Structure formats: structure tokens, C-alpha cells
N, C-alpha and C. Protein backbone atom coordinates (compact mmCIF):
# COMPACT_ATOMS: atom_id res chain seq x y z
N UNK A 1 -0.86 20.26 60.46
CA UNK A 1 -0.32 21.19 59.49
C UNK A 1 -1.39 21.49 58.46
N UNK A 2 -1.54 22.74 58.08
CA UNK A 2 -2.55 23.15 57.12
C UNK A 2 -1.90 23.28 55.76
N UNK A 3 -2.54 22.66 54.77
CA UNK A 3 -2.06 22.73 53.40
C UNK A 3 -2.31 24.13 52.88
N UNK A 4 -1.31 24.76 52.26
CA UNK A 4 -1.44 26.16 51.85
C UNK A 4 -2.17 26.36 50.53
N UNK A 5 -2.62 25.29 49.89
CA UNK A 5 -3.41 25.42 48.68
C UNK A 5 -2.60 25.65 47.42
N UNK A 6 -1.27 25.59 47.48
CA UNK A 6 -0.46 25.86 46.30
C UNK A 6 -0.41 24.68 45.33
N UNK A 7 -0.90 23.51 45.75
CA UNK A 7 -0.83 22.33 44.91
C UNK A 7 -1.97 22.30 43.91
N UNK A 8 -1.70 21.68 42.77
CA UNK A 8 -2.73 21.52 41.74
C UNK A 8 -3.79 20.53 42.24
N UNK A 9 -4.98 20.65 41.69
CA UNK A 9 -6.07 19.74 42.07
C UNK A 9 -5.65 18.30 41.82
N UNK A 10 -6.05 17.42 42.72
CA UNK A 10 -5.74 16.00 42.58
C UNK A 10 -4.48 15.57 43.28
N UNK A 11 -3.63 16.52 43.67
CA UNK A 11 -2.38 16.16 44.33
C UNK A 11 -2.55 15.89 45.82
N UNK A 12 -3.71 16.21 46.35
CA UNK A 12 -3.93 16.01 47.79
C UNK A 12 -3.79 14.54 48.16
N UNK A 13 -4.02 13.63 47.21
CA UNK A 13 -3.88 12.21 47.51
C UNK A 13 -2.44 11.86 47.86
N UNK A 14 -1.48 12.56 47.28
CA UNK A 14 -0.07 12.33 47.62
C UNK A 14 0.15 12.65 49.09
N UNK A 15 -0.34 13.78 49.51
CA UNK A 15 -0.19 14.20 50.91
C UNK A 15 -0.89 13.20 51.84
N UNK A 16 -2.10 12.82 51.45
CA UNK A 16 -2.85 11.86 52.26
C UNK A 16 -2.11 10.53 52.37
N UNK A 17 -1.52 10.07 51.27
CA UNK A 17 -0.74 8.82 51.30
C UNK A 17 0.45 8.93 52.24
N UNK A 18 1.14 10.05 52.18
CA UNK A 18 2.31 10.24 53.04
C UNK A 18 1.91 10.22 54.52
N UNK A 19 0.85 10.94 54.84
CA UNK A 19 0.39 10.95 56.24
C UNK A 19 -0.08 9.56 56.67
N UNK A 20 -0.74 8.83 55.78
CA UNK A 20 -1.19 7.49 56.09
C UNK A 20 -0.01 6.57 56.40
N UNK A 21 1.08 6.71 55.64
CA UNK A 21 2.26 5.87 55.87
C UNK A 21 2.72 5.99 57.32
N UNK A 22 2.90 7.21 57.80
CA UNK A 22 3.39 7.39 59.17
C UNK A 22 2.41 6.86 60.19
N UNK A 23 1.11 7.11 59.98
CA UNK A 23 0.09 6.63 60.93
C UNK A 23 0.02 5.10 60.93
N UNK A 24 0.02 4.52 59.75
CA UNK A 24 -0.06 3.06 59.62
C UNK A 24 1.17 2.39 60.23
N UNK A 25 2.33 2.93 59.94
CA UNK A 25 3.58 2.40 60.47
C UNK A 25 3.56 2.40 62.00
N UNK A 26 3.13 3.51 62.58
CA UNK A 26 3.06 3.62 64.04
C UNK A 26 2.09 2.59 64.60
N UNK A 27 0.94 2.42 63.97
CA UNK A 27 -0.05 1.46 64.45
C UNK A 27 0.48 0.03 64.36
N UNK A 28 1.12 -0.29 63.25
CA UNK A 28 1.68 -1.64 63.07
C UNK A 28 2.69 -1.94 64.16
N UNK A 29 3.60 -1.01 64.39
CA UNK A 29 4.63 -1.22 65.42
C UNK A 29 4.01 -1.32 66.81
N UNK A 30 3.07 -0.44 67.09
CA UNK A 30 2.43 -0.42 68.42
C UNK A 30 1.72 -1.75 68.72
N UNK A 31 1.10 -2.34 67.69
CA UNK A 31 0.28 -3.53 67.90
C UNK A 31 1.01 -4.85 67.66
N UNK A 32 2.24 -4.81 67.18
CA UNK A 32 2.97 -6.04 66.85
C UNK A 32 3.56 -6.68 68.10
N UNK A 33 3.51 -7.99 68.13
CA UNK A 33 4.11 -8.74 69.22
C UNK A 33 5.56 -9.08 68.92
N UNK A 34 6.36 -9.26 69.96
CA UNK A 34 7.79 -9.54 69.80
C UNK A 34 8.04 -10.79 68.96
N UNK A 35 7.29 -11.83 69.23
CA UNK A 35 7.47 -13.07 68.48
C UNK A 35 7.18 -12.86 67.00
N UNK A 36 6.12 -12.14 66.71
CA UNK A 36 5.77 -11.83 65.31
C UNK A 36 6.86 -10.99 64.64
N UNK A 37 7.39 -10.03 65.36
CA UNK A 37 8.42 -9.16 64.79
C UNK A 37 9.66 -9.94 64.37
N UNK A 38 9.95 -10.99 65.11
CA UNK A 38 11.14 -11.79 64.81
C UNK A 38 10.85 -12.92 63.82
N UNK A 39 9.61 -13.05 63.39
CA UNK A 39 9.25 -14.08 62.41
C UNK A 39 9.66 -13.61 61.01
N UNK A 40 9.82 -14.56 60.10
CA UNK A 40 10.17 -14.17 58.73
C UNK A 40 9.03 -13.41 58.06
N UNK A 41 9.41 -12.49 57.20
CA UNK A 41 8.43 -11.81 56.35
C UNK A 41 8.16 -12.71 55.15
N UNK A 42 7.21 -12.34 54.32
CA UNK A 42 6.85 -13.15 53.16
C UNK A 42 7.58 -12.65 51.92
N UNK A 43 8.37 -13.51 51.31
CA UNK A 43 9.02 -13.16 50.06
C UNK A 43 10.30 -12.35 50.18
N UNK A 44 10.84 -12.21 51.38
CA UNK A 44 12.12 -11.52 51.56
C UNK A 44 12.99 -12.38 52.48
N UNK A 45 14.25 -11.99 52.59
CA UNK A 45 15.15 -12.67 53.53
C UNK A 45 15.13 -12.00 54.91
N UNK A 46 14.28 -11.00 55.08
CA UNK A 46 14.22 -10.25 56.32
C UNK A 46 13.16 -10.79 57.26
N UNK A 47 13.37 -10.53 58.54
CA UNK A 47 12.30 -10.72 59.51
C UNK A 47 11.35 -9.53 59.38
N UNK A 48 10.22 -9.61 60.04
CA UNK A 48 9.29 -8.48 60.03
C UNK A 48 9.94 -7.22 60.59
N UNK A 49 10.70 -7.35 61.65
CA UNK A 49 11.37 -6.19 62.27
C UNK A 49 12.35 -5.56 61.27
N UNK A 50 13.11 -6.40 60.58
CA UNK A 50 14.07 -5.89 59.60
C UNK A 50 13.36 -5.24 58.42
N UNK A 51 12.26 -5.83 58.00
CA UNK A 51 11.49 -5.25 56.89
C UNK A 51 10.90 -3.90 57.28
N UNK A 52 10.46 -3.77 58.52
CA UNK A 52 9.97 -2.47 58.99
C UNK A 52 11.08 -1.42 58.92
N UNK A 53 12.29 -1.81 59.28
CA UNK A 53 13.41 -0.86 59.18
C UNK A 53 13.64 -0.49 57.72
N UNK A 54 13.57 -1.47 56.82
CA UNK A 54 13.72 -1.19 55.39
C UNK A 54 12.64 -0.22 54.91
N UNK A 55 11.44 -0.37 55.40
CA UNK A 55 10.34 0.53 55.03
C UNK A 55 10.65 1.96 55.49
N UNK A 56 11.24 2.10 56.67
CA UNK A 56 11.70 3.40 57.13
C UNK A 56 12.76 3.95 56.18
N UNK A 57 13.70 3.11 55.77
CA UNK A 57 14.74 3.57 54.85
C UNK A 57 14.13 4.08 53.54
N UNK A 58 13.07 3.45 53.09
CA UNK A 58 12.39 3.94 51.88
C UNK A 58 11.92 5.37 52.05
N UNK A 59 11.37 5.68 53.20
CA UNK A 59 10.90 7.04 53.45
C UNK A 59 12.08 8.01 53.52
N UNK A 60 13.17 7.57 54.11
CA UNK A 60 14.37 8.42 54.17
C UNK A 60 14.96 8.63 52.77
N UNK A 61 14.89 7.60 51.92
CA UNK A 61 15.35 7.75 50.54
C UNK A 61 14.50 8.78 49.82
N UNK A 62 13.20 8.73 50.02
CA UNK A 62 12.31 9.72 49.39
C UNK A 62 12.69 11.13 49.84
N UNK A 63 12.94 11.29 51.12
CA UNK A 63 13.31 12.61 51.64
C UNK A 63 14.62 13.09 51.03
N UNK A 64 15.59 12.20 50.92
CA UNK A 64 16.89 12.56 50.35
C UNK A 64 16.77 12.87 48.86
N UNK A 65 15.97 12.07 48.15
CA UNK A 65 15.83 12.29 46.71
C UNK A 65 15.12 13.60 46.40
N UNK A 66 14.29 14.10 47.30
CA UNK A 66 13.69 15.42 47.06
C UNK A 66 14.79 16.47 46.89
N UNK A 67 15.82 16.37 47.71
CA UNK A 67 16.95 17.31 47.64
C UNK A 67 17.79 17.03 46.39
N UNK A 68 18.12 15.75 46.16
CA UNK A 68 18.93 15.41 44.99
C UNK A 68 18.26 15.86 43.69
N UNK A 69 16.98 15.65 43.58
CA UNK A 69 16.27 16.08 42.38
C UNK A 69 16.36 17.60 42.23
N UNK A 70 16.25 18.31 43.34
CA UNK A 70 16.38 19.76 43.29
C UNK A 70 17.73 20.19 42.75
N UNK A 71 18.79 19.50 43.15
CA UNK A 71 20.14 19.83 42.68
C UNK A 71 20.31 19.42 41.22
N UNK A 72 20.06 18.16 40.91
CA UNK A 72 20.31 17.67 39.56
C UNK A 72 19.40 18.30 38.51
N UNK A 73 18.21 18.71 38.89
CA UNK A 73 17.30 19.31 37.92
C UNK A 73 17.79 20.69 37.47
N UNK A 74 18.72 21.27 38.19
CA UNK A 74 19.26 22.58 37.83
C UNK A 74 20.55 22.46 37.01
N UNK A 75 21.03 21.23 36.87
CA UNK A 75 22.25 20.97 36.11
C UNK A 75 21.87 20.49 34.70
N UNK A 76 22.83 20.47 33.79
CA UNK A 76 22.52 19.92 32.47
C UNK A 76 22.03 18.47 32.61
N UNK A 77 21.11 18.02 31.72
CA UNK A 77 20.54 16.68 31.83
C UNK A 77 21.58 15.56 31.89
N UNK A 78 22.72 15.76 31.26
CA UNK A 78 23.77 14.74 31.28
C UNK A 78 24.29 14.45 32.67
N UNK A 79 24.19 15.42 33.57
CA UNK A 79 24.69 15.22 34.93
C UNK A 79 23.90 14.12 35.64
N UNK A 80 22.58 14.20 35.58
CA UNK A 80 21.80 13.16 36.27
C UNK A 80 21.86 11.83 35.52
N UNK A 81 21.99 11.87 34.20
CA UNK A 81 22.14 10.61 33.46
C UNK A 81 23.43 9.92 33.86
N UNK A 82 24.52 10.69 33.98
CA UNK A 82 25.80 10.12 34.42
C UNK A 82 25.71 9.58 35.84
N UNK A 83 25.09 10.32 36.73
CA UNK A 83 24.88 9.89 38.11
C UNK A 83 24.08 8.59 38.15
N UNK A 84 23.01 8.54 37.37
CA UNK A 84 22.17 7.35 37.32
C UNK A 84 22.93 6.14 36.79
N UNK A 85 23.73 6.34 35.74
CA UNK A 85 24.54 5.24 35.20
C UNK A 85 25.54 4.73 36.25
N UNK A 86 26.15 5.66 36.99
CA UNK A 86 27.09 5.25 38.03
C UNK A 86 26.37 4.44 39.12
N UNK A 87 25.21 4.92 39.55
CA UNK A 87 24.46 4.19 40.56
C UNK A 87 24.01 2.83 40.04
N UNK A 88 23.58 2.77 38.77
CA UNK A 88 23.17 1.50 38.17
C UNK A 88 24.33 0.51 38.16
N UNK A 89 25.53 1.00 37.90
CA UNK A 89 26.71 0.12 37.91
C UNK A 89 26.99 -0.42 39.31
N UNK A 90 26.49 0.25 40.32
CA UNK A 90 26.70 -0.16 41.71
C UNK A 90 25.50 -0.91 42.28
N UNK A 91 24.62 -1.43 41.42
CA UNK A 91 23.41 -2.09 41.89
C UNK A 91 23.71 -3.28 42.80
N UNK A 92 24.66 -4.12 42.45
CA UNK A 92 24.96 -5.31 43.28
C UNK A 92 25.41 -4.90 44.69
N UNK A 93 26.40 -3.99 44.82
CA UNK A 93 26.77 -3.55 46.18
C UNK A 93 25.61 -2.85 46.89
N UNK A 94 24.83 -2.07 46.14
CA UNK A 94 23.67 -1.39 46.73
C UNK A 94 22.69 -2.42 47.30
N UNK A 95 22.41 -3.47 46.53
CA UNK A 95 21.48 -4.50 47.00
C UNK A 95 21.97 -5.13 48.30
N UNK A 96 23.28 -5.40 48.39
CA UNK A 96 23.83 -6.01 49.60
C UNK A 96 23.73 -5.01 50.77
N UNK A 97 24.10 -3.76 50.53
CA UNK A 97 24.04 -2.74 51.59
C UNK A 97 22.59 -2.53 52.02
N UNK A 98 21.69 -2.53 51.07
CA UNK A 98 20.26 -2.38 51.37
C UNK A 98 19.79 -3.50 52.29
N UNK A 99 20.19 -4.74 51.98
CA UNK A 99 19.80 -5.88 52.81
C UNK A 99 20.48 -5.80 54.19
N UNK A 100 21.79 -5.61 54.19
CA UNK A 100 22.54 -5.60 55.45
C UNK A 100 22.14 -4.41 56.32
N UNK A 101 21.84 -3.28 55.69
CA UNK A 101 21.44 -2.10 56.46
C UNK A 101 20.18 -2.36 57.27
N UNK A 102 19.23 -3.08 56.69
CA UNK A 102 18.00 -3.39 57.42
C UNK A 102 18.28 -4.37 58.55
N UNK A 103 19.17 -5.32 58.32
CA UNK A 103 19.51 -6.30 59.36
C UNK A 103 20.18 -5.58 60.53
N UNK A 104 21.15 -4.74 60.23
CA UNK A 104 21.89 -4.03 61.28
C UNK A 104 21.00 -2.98 61.95
N UNK A 105 20.27 -2.21 61.14
CA UNK A 105 19.41 -1.16 61.69
C UNK A 105 18.36 -1.70 62.64
N UNK A 106 17.80 -2.86 62.31
CA UNK A 106 16.79 -3.46 63.17
C UNK A 106 17.38 -3.92 64.50
N UNK A 107 18.66 -4.23 64.51
CA UNK A 107 19.33 -4.64 65.76
C UNK A 107 19.68 -3.44 66.63
N UNK A 108 20.03 -2.34 65.98
CA UNK A 108 20.53 -1.17 66.71
C UNK A 108 19.39 -0.30 67.24
N UNK A 109 18.39 -0.04 66.39
CA UNK A 109 17.32 0.89 66.78
C UNK A 109 16.16 0.16 67.44
N UNK A 110 15.63 0.77 68.45
CA UNK A 110 14.42 0.23 69.06
C UNK A 110 13.25 0.50 68.11
N UNK A 111 12.17 -0.23 68.32
CA UNK A 111 10.98 0.00 67.51
C UNK A 111 10.45 1.41 67.72
N UNK A 112 10.50 1.88 68.94
CA UNK A 112 10.02 3.23 69.24
C UNK A 112 10.84 4.27 68.47
N UNK A 113 12.15 4.09 68.44
CA UNK A 113 13.03 5.01 67.70
C UNK A 113 12.74 4.94 66.20
N UNK A 114 12.52 3.73 65.69
CA UNK A 114 12.18 3.55 64.28
C UNK A 114 10.88 4.28 63.96
N UNK A 115 9.90 4.15 64.83
CA UNK A 115 8.62 4.84 64.64
C UNK A 115 8.80 6.35 64.64
N UNK A 116 9.60 6.87 65.58
CA UNK A 116 9.85 8.32 65.63
C UNK A 116 10.57 8.79 64.38
N UNK A 117 11.50 7.99 63.88
CA UNK A 117 12.22 8.37 62.67
C UNK A 117 11.28 8.41 61.47
N UNK A 118 10.37 7.44 61.37
CA UNK A 118 9.39 7.44 60.28
C UNK A 118 8.50 8.66 60.38
N UNK A 119 8.04 8.97 61.57
CA UNK A 119 7.19 10.14 61.77
C UNK A 119 7.93 11.42 61.39
N UNK A 120 9.20 11.52 61.80
CA UNK A 120 10.00 12.71 61.49
C UNK A 120 10.27 12.86 60.00
N UNK A 121 10.66 11.76 59.35
CA UNK A 121 10.92 11.82 57.90
C UNK A 121 9.65 12.21 57.16
N UNK A 122 8.55 11.63 57.55
CA UNK A 122 7.28 11.93 56.89
C UNK A 122 6.88 13.38 57.13
N UNK A 123 7.04 13.85 58.34
CA UNK A 123 6.71 15.24 58.68
C UNK A 123 7.53 16.21 57.81
N UNK A 124 8.83 15.91 57.63
CA UNK A 124 9.67 16.79 56.82
C UNK A 124 9.25 16.75 55.34
N UNK A 125 8.89 15.56 54.84
CA UNK A 125 8.44 15.47 53.45
C UNK A 125 7.14 16.25 53.27
N UNK A 126 6.19 16.06 54.18
CA UNK A 126 4.90 16.75 54.07
C UNK A 126 5.10 18.26 54.20
N UNK A 127 5.98 18.69 55.09
CA UNK A 127 6.25 20.12 55.23
C UNK A 127 6.79 20.68 53.92
N UNK A 128 7.73 19.97 53.29
CA UNK A 128 8.25 20.40 51.99
C UNK A 128 7.10 20.45 50.98
N UNK A 129 6.32 19.39 50.94
CA UNK A 129 5.22 19.28 49.98
C UNK A 129 4.22 20.42 50.14
N UNK A 130 3.91 20.78 51.38
CA UNK A 130 2.94 21.83 51.64
C UNK A 130 3.37 23.18 51.09
N UNK A 131 4.66 23.37 50.92
CA UNK A 131 5.16 24.65 50.41
C UNK A 131 5.63 24.56 48.96
N UNK A 132 5.54 23.40 48.36
CA UNK A 132 5.99 23.21 46.99
C UNK A 132 4.93 23.68 46.01
N UNK A 133 5.40 24.24 44.92
CA UNK A 133 4.52 24.62 43.83
C UNK A 133 4.58 23.58 42.72
N UNK A 134 3.77 23.77 41.72
CA UNK A 134 3.74 22.83 40.59
C UNK A 134 5.11 22.71 39.94
N UNK A 135 5.85 23.80 39.82
CA UNK A 135 7.18 23.73 39.20
C UNK A 135 8.16 22.94 40.07
N UNK A 136 8.03 23.03 41.39
CA UNK A 136 8.88 22.24 42.29
C UNK A 136 8.64 20.76 42.09
N UNK A 137 7.36 20.39 41.97
CA UNK A 137 7.00 18.98 41.80
C UNK A 137 7.39 18.45 40.42
N UNK A 138 7.46 19.33 39.44
CA UNK A 138 7.78 18.91 38.07
C UNK A 138 9.28 18.71 37.86
N UNK A 139 10.11 19.20 38.76
CA UNK A 139 11.56 19.02 38.62
C UNK A 139 11.89 17.54 38.72
N UNK A 140 12.78 17.08 37.83
CA UNK A 140 13.10 15.66 37.83
C UNK A 140 14.53 15.39 37.44
N UNK A 141 14.86 14.10 37.44
CA UNK A 141 16.21 13.67 37.08
C UNK A 141 16.18 12.20 36.68
N UNK A 142 17.25 11.74 36.09
CA UNK A 142 17.41 10.32 35.78
C UNK A 142 17.70 9.58 37.06
N UNK A 143 17.12 8.40 37.20
CA UNK A 143 17.37 7.55 38.36
C UNK A 143 17.65 6.12 37.87
N UNK A 144 18.32 5.32 38.68
CA UNK A 144 18.63 3.95 38.24
C UNK A 144 17.44 3.01 38.46
N UNK A 145 16.73 2.61 37.41
CA UNK A 145 15.58 1.72 37.59
C UNK A 145 15.97 0.35 38.16
N UNK A 146 17.25 0.00 38.09
CA UNK A 146 17.69 -1.28 38.66
C UNK A 146 17.68 -1.27 40.19
N UNK A 147 17.51 -0.11 40.78
CA UNK A 147 17.52 -0.04 42.25
C UNK A 147 16.18 -0.37 42.88
N UNK A 148 15.10 -0.24 42.12
CA UNK A 148 13.78 -0.49 42.70
C UNK A 148 12.81 -0.76 41.57
N UNK A 149 11.92 -1.74 41.73
CA UNK A 149 10.99 -2.05 40.65
C UNK A 149 10.01 -0.91 40.34
N UNK A 150 9.87 0.03 41.24
CA UNK A 150 8.96 1.15 41.01
C UNK A 150 9.69 2.40 40.52
N UNK A 151 11.00 2.33 40.36
CA UNK A 151 11.75 3.45 39.78
C UNK A 151 11.60 3.42 38.26
N UNK A 152 11.48 4.58 37.68
CA UNK A 152 11.48 4.74 36.22
C UNK A 152 12.82 5.39 35.85
N UNK A 153 13.23 5.30 34.59
CA UNK A 153 14.51 5.90 34.21
C UNK A 153 14.60 7.41 34.49
N UNK A 154 13.47 8.08 34.47
CA UNK A 154 13.43 9.50 34.80
C UNK A 154 12.23 9.71 35.70
N UNK A 155 12.43 10.44 36.80
CA UNK A 155 11.34 10.69 37.74
C UNK A 155 11.38 12.14 38.18
N UNK A 156 10.19 12.73 38.29
CA UNK A 156 10.12 14.05 38.89
C UNK A 156 9.73 13.87 40.37
N UNK A 157 9.64 14.97 41.07
CA UNK A 157 9.35 14.87 42.51
C UNK A 157 7.96 14.30 42.76
N UNK A 158 7.01 14.59 41.90
CA UNK A 158 5.66 14.02 42.06
C UNK A 158 5.76 12.49 41.94
N UNK A 159 6.52 12.01 40.94
CA UNK A 159 6.73 10.57 40.78
C UNK A 159 7.39 9.97 42.02
N UNK A 160 8.36 10.69 42.55
CA UNK A 160 9.09 10.20 43.73
C UNK A 160 8.15 10.05 44.92
N UNK A 161 7.29 11.03 45.13
CA UNK A 161 6.36 10.95 46.27
C UNK A 161 5.36 9.83 46.07
N UNK A 162 4.94 9.60 44.84
CA UNK A 162 4.07 8.45 44.55
C UNK A 162 4.84 7.15 44.77
N UNK A 163 6.14 7.15 44.44
CA UNK A 163 6.99 5.98 44.68
C UNK A 163 7.02 5.63 46.16
N UNK A 164 7.12 6.63 47.02
CA UNK A 164 7.20 6.37 48.46
C UNK A 164 6.01 5.53 48.92
N UNK A 165 4.83 5.87 48.46
CA UNK A 165 3.63 5.11 48.84
C UNK A 165 3.64 3.72 48.23
N UNK A 166 4.06 3.59 46.97
CA UNK A 166 4.14 2.28 46.33
C UNK A 166 5.13 1.38 47.06
N UNK A 167 6.30 1.92 47.38
CA UNK A 167 7.33 1.16 48.10
C UNK A 167 6.79 0.68 49.44
N UNK A 168 6.16 1.58 50.17
CA UNK A 168 5.62 1.23 51.48
C UNK A 168 4.56 0.13 51.36
N UNK A 169 3.61 0.31 50.47
CA UNK A 169 2.53 -0.67 50.32
C UNK A 169 3.06 -2.03 49.85
N UNK A 170 4.04 -2.01 48.96
CA UNK A 170 4.64 -3.26 48.48
C UNK A 170 5.20 -4.06 49.65
N UNK A 171 6.00 -3.40 50.48
CA UNK A 171 6.62 -4.11 51.60
C UNK A 171 5.64 -4.37 52.73
N UNK A 172 4.66 -3.51 52.89
CA UNK A 172 3.64 -3.75 53.92
C UNK A 172 2.95 -5.08 53.66
N UNK A 173 2.69 -5.38 52.40
CA UNK A 173 2.03 -6.64 52.03
C UNK A 173 2.91 -7.85 52.33
N UNK A 174 4.21 -7.64 52.51
CA UNK A 174 5.13 -8.74 52.81
C UNK A 174 5.26 -8.99 54.31
N UNK A 175 4.77 -8.09 55.12
CA UNK A 175 4.81 -8.30 56.57
C UNK A 175 3.88 -9.46 56.92
N UNK A 176 4.30 -10.27 57.84
CA UNK A 176 3.47 -11.39 58.31
C UNK A 176 2.93 -11.10 59.70
N UNK A 177 2.61 -9.86 59.94
CA UNK A 177 2.13 -9.39 61.23
C UNK A 177 0.61 -9.29 61.24
N UNK A 178 0.00 -9.74 62.30
CA UNK A 178 -1.45 -9.55 62.44
C UNK A 178 -1.79 -8.07 62.47
N UNK A 179 -0.91 -7.24 63.04
CA UNK A 179 -1.18 -5.81 63.14
C UNK A 179 -1.19 -5.13 61.76
N UNK A 180 -0.63 -5.80 60.76
CA UNK A 180 -0.66 -5.27 59.40
C UNK A 180 -1.80 -5.91 58.60
N UNK A 181 -2.55 -6.80 59.26
CA UNK A 181 -3.63 -7.49 58.57
C UNK A 181 -3.11 -8.61 57.70
N UNK A 182 -1.85 -8.99 57.89
CA UNK A 182 -1.23 -10.05 57.11
C UNK A 182 -0.83 -11.16 58.06
N UNK A 183 -1.42 -12.31 57.91
CA UNK A 183 -1.12 -13.42 58.81
C UNK A 183 -0.51 -14.58 58.04
N UNK A 184 0.36 -14.24 57.09
CA UNK A 184 1.04 -15.26 56.30
C UNK A 184 2.05 -15.97 57.18
N UNK A 185 2.48 -17.11 56.74
CA UNK A 185 3.45 -17.88 57.51
C UNK A 185 4.86 -17.38 57.33
N UNK A 186 5.08 -16.56 56.32
CA UNK A 186 6.44 -16.11 56.04
C UNK A 186 7.15 -17.03 55.07
N UNK A 187 6.52 -18.13 54.73
CA UNK A 187 7.12 -19.08 53.80
C UNK A 187 6.46 -18.91 52.44
N UNK A 188 7.24 -18.91 51.41
CA UNK A 188 6.68 -18.80 50.06
C UNK A 188 7.20 -19.92 49.19
């Protein structure tokens, strides 16, 4: 895909990070052994396979939030603040669903399907990004910082896309897979 040049200087790193996520994810999955995938990750209650599914969910959250930000940024600011407060009040159930979703998702989806989903989500984000202007990227909304350590109380789309890379790299470092360059024991 060719970048149409509508982005401000310096934003190309966002696009590069997004493309790297999909390529790196595919390489990690392709090179990981079954035994390693079922081993514990470092610093989480997930196995490596489950953590990979969670990393996919992060990319899907980024894709969904691009749309949500577009909607909420056109409403009065109180709308997204109220939405964020409601989501913050649901942090405990969210945390459980987030954990259980990765456990269940890793059982249901094959690694190949997970890889295709990551590639598809990333392709859709990059396609949106390639056609976005500076005003599209500047649109923002309140978000619940209790949902993720890299969330801020207010984020614009540029922040969200930077979050996607931070989220991915954070969890990538927790993988105990040789294919990720991490050969930790999974015990902390």
C-alpha cells in the first residue's frame, strides 16, 4: 500500500510500527514450537499462546477505538467523559473478561487464524491511517486509564495508534518464546 502523503512529517513512524507489529507477530507464530507456546509467559497468568491472542485483541481494540473516537469526538465532551467513567466502573469485570477471553480465544482459534486476524486488523488500521488527515488524527475522547497502563485520561487517534505499539511491545517482552528473542523461564 502506498502512503498518500497526507500525514504530517514524523508520523510515518506510526505506520512503520503498525506494519512491524503484523510482520513480527507472523514471524513469532511461524517460528514458535508447540511446547513453547504452551509454556507460561513471564509476569502474566497466561501461556505464550494465550498472550499472543491477547496481543491480537490489543490490535482489535485499537481498530475499534478508531471508530469510537470518531463518534465521541463529534459529541459534547461530557459524552465521552460519561462513557469513560462507566467503563472505569467496570474495570474489575473487564479485567476478568480480558483474561478469560485470551484463555478461550487461544483454545478456539488456530495460530494460523490468529495470525490472519492480526494481519487483517493491522491492514485495516493502516488503510484508515493512509487516508487520514491531521484533523482525523487529532480527534480524541476520554478513555478509562484503569483499563491499561498506557491509556491516558484523554487520547486522540494519534495517541491510540502509538498505544497499539506500546501494548504490543509490552506483551512481546513477556513472551518466553525463542522466536520472540525471549528465553525466560516464565517464572518471576
